[in-house]
Amino acid sequence: MNDLWKNNLRDIEPYVPGEQSKEKDIVKLNANENPYPPSPKAVEAIKNFDTNALRLYPEASSMKLKNAIAKFYNVKAENVFVGNGSDDVLALSFQAFFNSDKPIAYPDITYSFYPVWCNLFNIRYKNYPLDENFRINPEDYKEKNGGVVIPNPNAPTSIGEDKNFVKKIMEYNKDSVVIIDEAYCDFGGVSSVPLTGEYENLLVTGTFSKSRSLAGLRIGFAIGSKTLISTLEAVKNSYNSYTVDMLSLEAGAAAMEDTDYFYKTVNMIIKTRTRLTEEMRSLGFKVIDSSTNFIMATHDDYSMREMFEYLKSKNIFIRYFNQPRINKFVRITIGTDEEVDKLLGGIKDFINAHK
């Protein structure tokens, strides 16, 4: 049989998310999800939703959600874009802004979806290595490029940089679009949103999946100049005018407006992160100072891959990356205090079994 048609199929290596176990009784600390439920106001919005409305298309401009985001970040609604999770927003941004003949630039250790999009959309790219302390060197980004993407805080390293760092990046890249991916910023990072009023070529992306506890609804957003946002809207409307569904618009707006609950749960996660960091360090682990809802840790005396496998056998799921430079580390999402207690118990059992 002639299989030449197969030559026209896309050959690409996809992004691999954290393992999603079907087991019910697990401690799931491998996907950076929020351990706490969504805002009660978001839950109420879902419960009161008129399901009869689902026969209609959602409001294409998503203004209710945009207005809620704009109010929280003190920007105008025209400076806000929304989509199906920050992955959707970033994928659209890659298509909208990275059309130069020069390669785009981003760190060598970072969110592993970036090279997937580059390969999918035929975008050339260049990586700049993090230093020995896993820090991004802004001086690397002086070279001419077709765009810059930097997560701040970075993932999976958990390290955040300050506003002066971002301003350096912007001053070095006046001729290309710079995207600052702030998926984890709410847990101790410094937001670059205020800088979008100063730099027309700066786009800041965010998500409701982490600090807003709505990973299951897939809501993401971007904040930037009217020029960048209108370009994103044009690209979105070229393939799907209704990216955000009705339920997500209602629940997302309610979650964004519930600032008391937002700060309460974020502070709970930060407090637990501090406790986990201190206790792991007391066990001899090296833990990177984190500005996210996860930590990166290693131990000189034990294999982190073996610890990952051991904990998995006990239904405790963390993340191990079999990649150069970080294959001696594990990434652990901050769970509830009860989940962290189970994790620490499992780690102590692993250490005792390998003495």
Protein backbone atom coordinates (compact mmCIF):
# COMPACT_ATOMS: atom_id res chain seq x y z
CA MET A 1 0.00 0.00 0.00
CA ASN A 2 1.23 3.48 -0.88
CA ASP A 3 1.76 5.44 2.36
CA LEU A 4 3.20 8.61 0.85
CA TRP A 5 0.34 10.60 2.35
CA LYS A 6 1.97 10.05 5.72
CA ASN A 7 4.82 12.31 4.62
CA ASN A 8 2.41 15.24 4.98
CA LEU A 9 1.65 14.56 8.63
CA ARG A 10 3.10 16.90 11.21
CA ASP A 11 6.09 15.30 12.96
CA ILE A 12 6.55 17.06 16.27
CA GLU A 13 7.49 16.26 19.86
CA PRO A 14 4.59 17.44 22.07
CA TYR A 15 4.69 18.98 25.51
CA VAL A 16 4.42 16.40 28.31
CA PRO A 17 2.44 17.58 31.38
CA GLY A 18 2.77 16.19 34.89
CA GLU A 19 1.45 12.65 35.28
CA GLN A 20 -2.30 12.49 35.84
CA SER A 21 -2.95 9.38 37.93
CA LYS A 22 -6.40 7.78 37.95
CA GLU A 23 -5.90 6.71 41.55
CA LYS A 24 -8.14 8.58 43.99
CA ASP A 25 -6.10 8.29 47.18
CA ILE A 26 -2.93 10.10 46.10
CA VAL A 27 -0.92 13.10 47.17
CA LYS A 28 -0.66 15.01 43.88
CA LEU A 29 2.22 17.46 44.01
CA ASN A 30 3.46 17.26 40.43
CA ALA A 31 1.46 19.74 38.36
CA ASN A 32 1.66 23.02 40.32
CA GLU A 33 -2.07 23.03 40.92
CA ASN A 34 -3.59 24.98 43.80
CA PRO A 35 -4.42 22.72 46.77
CA TYR A 36 -7.35 24.90 47.81
CA PRO A 37 -10.80 25.14 46.17
CA PRO A 38 -11.80 28.09 44.00
CA SER A 39 -13.19 31.29 45.45
CA PRO A 40 -16.63 30.80 47.04
CA LYS A 41 -17.83 33.61 44.79
CA ALA A 42 -16.64 31.67 41.73
CA VAL A 43 -18.40 28.55 43.02
CA GLU A 44 -21.58 30.56 43.55
CA ALA A 45 -21.35 31.93 40.00
CA ILE A 46 -21.14 28.38 38.66
CA LYS A 47 -24.06 27.15 40.80
CA ASN A 48 -26.26 30.07 39.73
CA PHE A 49 -25.34 29.82 36.06
CA ASP A 50 -28.32 29.59 33.71
CA THR A 51 -27.52 26.44 31.74
CA ASN A 52 -30.16 27.33 29.16
CA ALA A 53 -27.74 30.02 27.97
CA LEU A 54 -25.32 27.32 26.79
CA ARG A 55 -27.33 26.94 23.58
CA LEU A 56 -25.95 30.35 22.60
CA TYR A 57 -22.43 31.43 21.75
CA PRO A 58 -20.55 33.24 24.54
CA GLU A 59 -20.02 36.98 24.34
CA ALA A 60 -17.07 37.16 21.95
CA SER A 61 -15.36 40.20 23.47
CA SER A 62 -15.31 38.64 26.99
CA MET A 63 -15.78 42.12 28.44
CA LYS A 64 -17.01 41.04 31.87
CA LEU A 65 -13.83 39.08 32.48
CA LYS A 66 -11.60 41.72 30.89
CA ASN A 67 -13.11 44.41 33.10
CA ALA A 68 -12.50 42.35 36.25
CA ILE A 69 -8.87 41.74 35.26
CA ALA A 70 -8.37 45.39 34.29
CA LYS A 71 -9.72 46.57 37.64
CA PHE A 72 -7.45 44.25 39.64
CA TYR A 73 -4.32 45.27 37.72
CA ASN A 74 -5.28 48.97 37.39
CA VAL A 75 -5.21 49.00 33.59
CA LYS A 76 -7.87 49.61 30.93
CA ALA A 77 -9.96 46.81 29.46
CA GLU A 78 -8.45 47.60 26.05
CA ASN A 79 -5.11 46.52 27.50
CA VAL A 80 -6.40 43.04 28.41
CA PHE A 81 -6.65 39.88 26.30
CA VAL A 82 -8.19 36.59 27.49
CA GLY A 83 -7.97 33.02 26.23
CA ASN A 84 -8.22 29.35 27.16
CA GLY A 85 -5.46 29.23 29.72
CA SER A 86 -2.12 31.00 29.45
CA ASP A 87 -0.94 28.26 27.07
CA ASP A 88 -3.55 29.39 24.54
CA VAL A 89 -2.61 33.04 25.11
CA LEU A 90 1.10 32.28 24.69
CA ALA A 91 0.56 30.16 21.58
CA LEU A 92 -1.40 33.01 20.00
CA SER A 93 1.31 35.44 21.05
CA PHE A 94 4.00 33.36 19.36
CA GLN A 95 1.97 33.49 16.14
CA ALA A 96 1.13 37.18 16.48
CA PHE A 97 4.53 38.62 17.39
CA PHE A 98 7.34 36.29 16.34
CA ASN A 99 7.42 36.74 12.58
CA SER A 100 10.97 38.04 12.14
CA ASP A 101 13.73 36.26 10.24
CA LYS A 102 15.77 36.42 13.45
CA PRO A 103 15.48 33.74 16.16
CA ILE A 104 13.57 34.45 19.32
CA ALA A 105 15.43 34.14 22.63
CA TYR A 106 14.63 32.40 25.90
CA PRO A 107 16.52 30.52 28.66
CA ASP A 108 17.79 26.98 28.21
CA ILE A 109 16.01 25.81 31.36
CA THR A 110 12.45 27.08 31.32
CA TYR A 111 8.87 26.16 30.44
CA SER A 112 9.15 23.25 28.01
CA PHE A 113 6.19 24.36 25.89
CA TYR A 114 8.25 27.17 24.30
CA PRO A 115 10.28 24.94 21.95
CA VAL A 116 7.11 22.99 21.09
CA TRP A 117 5.42 26.15 19.83
CA CYS A 118 8.56 27.21 17.98
CA ASN A 119 8.66 23.89 16.14
CA LEU A 120 4.92 23.91 15.51
CA PHE A 121 4.90 27.44 14.09
CA ASN A 122 8.32 27.23 12.38
CA ILE A 123 9.87 29.90 14.58
CA ARG A 124 13.64 29.92 14.90
CA TYR A 125 14.96 30.20 18.44
CA LYS A 126 18.13 30.54 20.48
CA ASN A 127 18.64 29.50 24.08
CA TYR A 128 20.82 31.27 26.60
CA PRO A 129 22.07 29.12 29.49
CA LEU A 130 21.20 29.95 33.06
CA ASP A 131 24.25 30.55 35.24
CA GLU A 132 25.54 28.08 37.83
CA ASN A 133 22.91 29.34 40.28
CA PHE A 134 20.10 28.93 37.72
CA ARG A 135 19.77 32.70 37.28
CA ILE A 136 18.99 34.44 34.00
CA ASN A 137 21.68 36.88 32.88
CA PRO A 138 20.00 39.91 31.26
CA GLU A 139 23.22 40.76 29.43
CA ASP A 140 22.71 37.67 27.25
CA TYR A 141 19.65 39.31 25.73
CA LYS A 142 21.48 42.25 24.18
CA GLU A 143 21.92 40.37 20.92
CA LYS A 144 19.47 41.20 18.11
CA ASN A 145 16.56 38.80 18.05
CA GLY A 146 13.04 38.22 16.78
CA GLY A 147 11.53 38.39 20.26
CA VAL A 148 12.16 37.42 23.87
CA VAL A 149 10.21 35.13 26.21
CA ILE A 150 11.08 34.95 29.90
CA PRO A 151 9.03 33.40 32.69
CA ASN A 152 9.31 35.46 35.84
CA PRO A 153 9.45 33.64 38.19
CA ASN A 154 11.08 30.97 36.07
CA ALA A 155 9.92 27.37 35.92
CA PRO A 156 11.01 24.85 36.97
CA THR A 157 13.75 26.71 38.91
CA SER A 158 11.23 28.75 41.00
CA ILE A 159 13.49 31.84 40.91
CA GLY A 160 12.00 35.30 40.45
CA GLU A 161 13.75 38.46 39.27
CA ASP A 162 13.00 42.07 40.20
CA LYS A 163 11.68 45.01 38.18
CA ASN A 164 15.17 46.30 37.36
CA PHE A 165 15.92 42.97 35.69
CA VAL A 166 12.89 43.34 33.41
CA LYS A 167 13.72 46.98 32.67
CA LYS A 168 17.19 45.89 31.53
CA ILE A 169 15.64 43.30 29.23
CA MET A 170 13.33 45.97 27.80
CA GLU A 171 16.11 48.50 27.27
CA TYR A 172 18.14 45.86 25.41
CA ASN A 173 15.19 44.87 23.21
CA LYS A 174 13.48 47.99 21.91
CA ASP A 175 13.03 46.47 18.44
CA SER A 176 11.25 43.25 19.36
CA VAL A 177 8.31 42.07 21.46
CA VAL A 178 9.19 40.89 24.95
CA ILE A 179 6.84 38.46 26.73
CA ILE A 180 7.09 38.06 30.49
CA ASP A 181 5.26 34.91 31.52
CA GLU A 182 3.91 35.50 35.05
CA ALA A 183 2.11 32.20 35.68
CA TYR A 184 3.63 32.00 39.19
CA CYS A 185 4.11 35.67 40.01
CA ASP A 186 1.40 35.86 42.68
CA PHE A 187 3.36 33.63 45.07
CA GLY A 188 6.19 36.07 45.71
CA GLY A 189 7.30 37.43 42.35
CA VAL A 190 7.40 41.04 41.18
CA SER A 191 4.87 41.78 38.45
CA SER A 192 5.88 43.64 35.32
CA VAL A 193 2.33 44.79 34.57
CA PRO A 194 3.10 48.39 35.69
CA LEU A 195 5.86 48.48 33.06
CA THR A 196 3.39 47.83 30.21
CA GLY A 197 2.46 51.50 30.38
CA GLU A 198 6.10 52.42 29.83
CA TYR A 199 7.02 49.89 27.13
CA GLU A 200 4.65 49.46 24.19
CA ASN A 201 6.43 46.24 23.15
CA LEU A 202 5.99 44.48 26.53
CA LEU A 203 3.35 41.77 26.97
CA VAL A 204 2.71 40.18 30.38
CA THR A 205 0.81 36.90 30.50
CA GLY A 206 -0.99 35.32 33.45
CA THR A 207 -3.26 32.44 34.37
CA PHE A 208 -6.18 31.52 36.63
CA SER A 209 -4.80 27.99 37.00
CA LYS A 210 -2.43 28.64 39.90
CA SER A 211 -3.31 31.40 42.36
CA ARG A 212 -7.01 31.46 41.36
CA SER A 213 -7.59 27.68 41.70
CA LEU A 214 -9.32 27.39 38.31
CA ALA A 215 -7.02 25.10 36.31
CA GLY A 216 -10.05 23.05 35.28
CA LEU A 217 -11.72 26.00 33.55
CA ARG A 218 -8.71 27.00 31.41
CA ILE A 219 -8.55 30.80 31.70
CA GLY A 220 -5.51 32.84 30.78
CA PHE A 221 -4.87 36.48 30.02
CA ALA A 222 -2.36 38.99 28.72
CA ILE A 223 -1.82 42.65 29.53
CA GLY A 224 -0.06 45.01 27.17
CA SER A 225 -0.33 48.04 24.92
CA LYS A 226 -3.38 48.59 22.76
CA THR A 227 -1.25 47.74 19.72
CA LEU A 228 -0.22 44.34 21.07
CA ILE A 229 -3.69 43.46 22.36
CA SER A 230 -5.43 44.43 19.12
CA THR A 231 -2.96 42.26 17.19
CA LEU A 232 -3.68 39.33 19.51
CA GLU A 233 -7.42 39.84 19.01
CA ALA A 234 -6.98 39.81 15.24
CA VAL A 235 -5.01 36.55 15.35
CA LYS A 236 -7.56 34.95 17.70
CA ASN A 237 -10.48 36.02 15.53
CA SER A 238 -8.75 34.51 12.50
CA TYR A 239 -9.43 31.01 13.79
CA ASN A 240 -11.84 31.13 16.77
CA SER A 241 -13.82 34.17 17.87
CA TYR A 242 -15.26 32.43 20.94
CA THR A 243 -12.24 31.21 22.84
CA VAL A 244 -13.58 31.65 26.38
CA ASP A 245 -16.82 29.84 27.27
CA MET A 246 -19.72 31.36 29.22
CA LEU A 247 -19.06 29.46 32.44
CA SER A 248 -15.41 30.49 32.49
CA LEU A 249 -16.32 34.13 31.88
CA GLU A 250 -18.67 34.18 34.87
CA ALA A 251 -16.51 32.17 37.29
CA GLY A 252 -13.32 33.90 36.22
CA ALA A 253 -14.74 37.37 36.79
CA ALA A 254 -16.04 36.32 40.20
CA ALA A 255 -12.68 34.82 41.19
CA MET A 256 -10.80 37.93 40.10
CA GLU A 257 -13.13 40.15 42.12
CA ASP A 258 -12.76 38.05 45.31
CA THR A 259 -9.49 39.62 46.43
CA ASP A 260 -9.86 38.60 50.08
CA TYR A 261 -9.97 34.91 49.25
CA PHE A 262 -7.17 35.32 46.72
CA TYR A 263 -4.75 36.83 49.24
CA LYS A 264 -5.82 34.38 51.96
CA THR A 265 -5.02 31.25 49.91
CA VAL A 266 -1.84 32.70 48.39
CA ASN A 267 -0.52 33.50 51.87
CA MET A 268 -1.42 30.00 53.07
CA ILE A 269 0.61 28.49 50.24
CA ILE A 270 3.57 30.80 50.96
CA LYS A 271 3.46 29.83 54.64
CA THR A 272 3.42 26.11 53.81
CA ARG A 273 6.21 26.63 51.27
CA THR A 274 8.36 28.18 53.98
CA ARG A 275 7.72 25.27 56.33
CA LEU A 276 8.45 22.64 53.67
CA THR A 277 11.65 24.43 52.64
CA GLU A 278 12.90 24.62 56.23
CA GLU A 279 12.07 21.00 57.02
CA MET A 280 13.69 19.68 53.85
CA ARG A 281 16.81 21.72 54.52
CA SER A 282 16.94 20.21 58.00
CA LEU A 283 17.06 16.81 56.28
CA GLY A 284 20.11 17.88 54.27
CA PHE A 285 18.35 18.95 51.06
CA LYS A 286 19.46 21.95 49.05
CA VAL A 287 16.30 23.90 48.26
CA ILE A 288 16.31 26.89 45.93
CA ASP A 289 14.63 29.99 47.38
CA SER A 290 11.24 29.97 45.70
CA SER A 291 8.92 32.73 44.47
CA THR A 292 6.38 30.21 43.18
CA ASN A 293 3.92 27.59 44.44
CA PHE A 294 6.58 24.89 44.12
CA ILE A 295 10.16 24.23 45.17
CA MET A 296 13.20 22.74 43.43
CA ALA A 297 15.30 20.51 45.67
CA THR A 298 18.28 18.14 45.55
CA HIS A 299 20.37 16.10 47.99
CA ASP A 300 24.05 15.25 47.68
CA ASP A 301 23.61 11.81 49.23
CA TYR A 302 20.57 10.49 47.40
CA SER A 303 19.32 10.05 43.85
CA MET A 304 16.36 12.29 43.22
CA ARG A 305 15.16 9.96 40.50
CA GLU A 306 15.09 7.11 43.01
CA MET A 307 13.28 9.29 45.52
CA PHE A 308 10.74 10.26 42.87
CA GLU A 309 10.10 6.59 42.05
CA TYR A 310 9.93 5.65 45.73
CA LEU A 311 7.38 8.34 46.53
CA LYS A 312 5.36 7.39 43.47
CA SER A 313 5.14 3.81 44.78
CA LYS A 314 3.60 5.32 47.93
CA ASN A 315 1.06 7.33 45.87
CA ILE A 316 2.93 10.58 46.43
CA PHE A 317 3.47 12.27 43.07
CA ILE A 318 6.18 14.90 42.56
CA ARG A 319 7.99 15.88 39.32
CA TYR A 320 11.33 14.64 38.06
CA PHE A 321 12.92 16.01 34.87
CA ASN A 322 15.36 13.68 33.17
CA GLN A 323 17.12 16.60 31.52
CA PRO A 324 20.69 17.92 31.59
CA ARG A 325 21.57 20.23 34.51
CA ILE A 326 18.33 19.57 36.42
CA ASN A 327 18.31 15.76 36.54
CA LYS A 328 19.61 15.84 40.11
CA PHE A 329 16.59 17.86 41.25
CA VAL A 330 12.92 17.26 41.90
CA ARG A 331 10.13 19.81 41.67
CA ILE A 332 7.50 19.67 44.40
CA THR A 333 4.21 21.54 44.27
CA ILE A 334 3.09 23.12 47.54
CA GLY A 335 0.03 21.24 48.80
CA THR A 336 -2.04 21.52 51.93
CA ASP A 337 -0.30 21.10 55.28
CA GLU A 338 -1.73 17.57 55.49
CA GLU A 339 -0.33 16.69 52.06
CA VAL A 340 3.05 18.16 52.95
CA ASP A 341 3.09 16.09 56.14
CA LYS A 342 2.53 12.94 54.08
CA LEU A 343 5.25 14.02 51.66
CA LEU A 344 7.75 14.63 54.45
CA GLY A 345 6.89 11.28 55.97
CA GLY A 346 7.54 9.60 52.63
CA ILE A 347 10.85 11.42 52.20
CA LYS A 348 11.98 10.37 55.69
CA ASP A 349 11.03 6.76 54.91
CA PHE A 350 13.06 6.96 51.69
CA ILE A 351 16.10 8.32 53.53
CA ASN A 352 15.84 5.62 56.21
CA ALA A 353 15.55 2.92 53.56
CA HIS A 354 18.68 4.16 51.78
CA LYS A 355 21.02 4.74 54.69
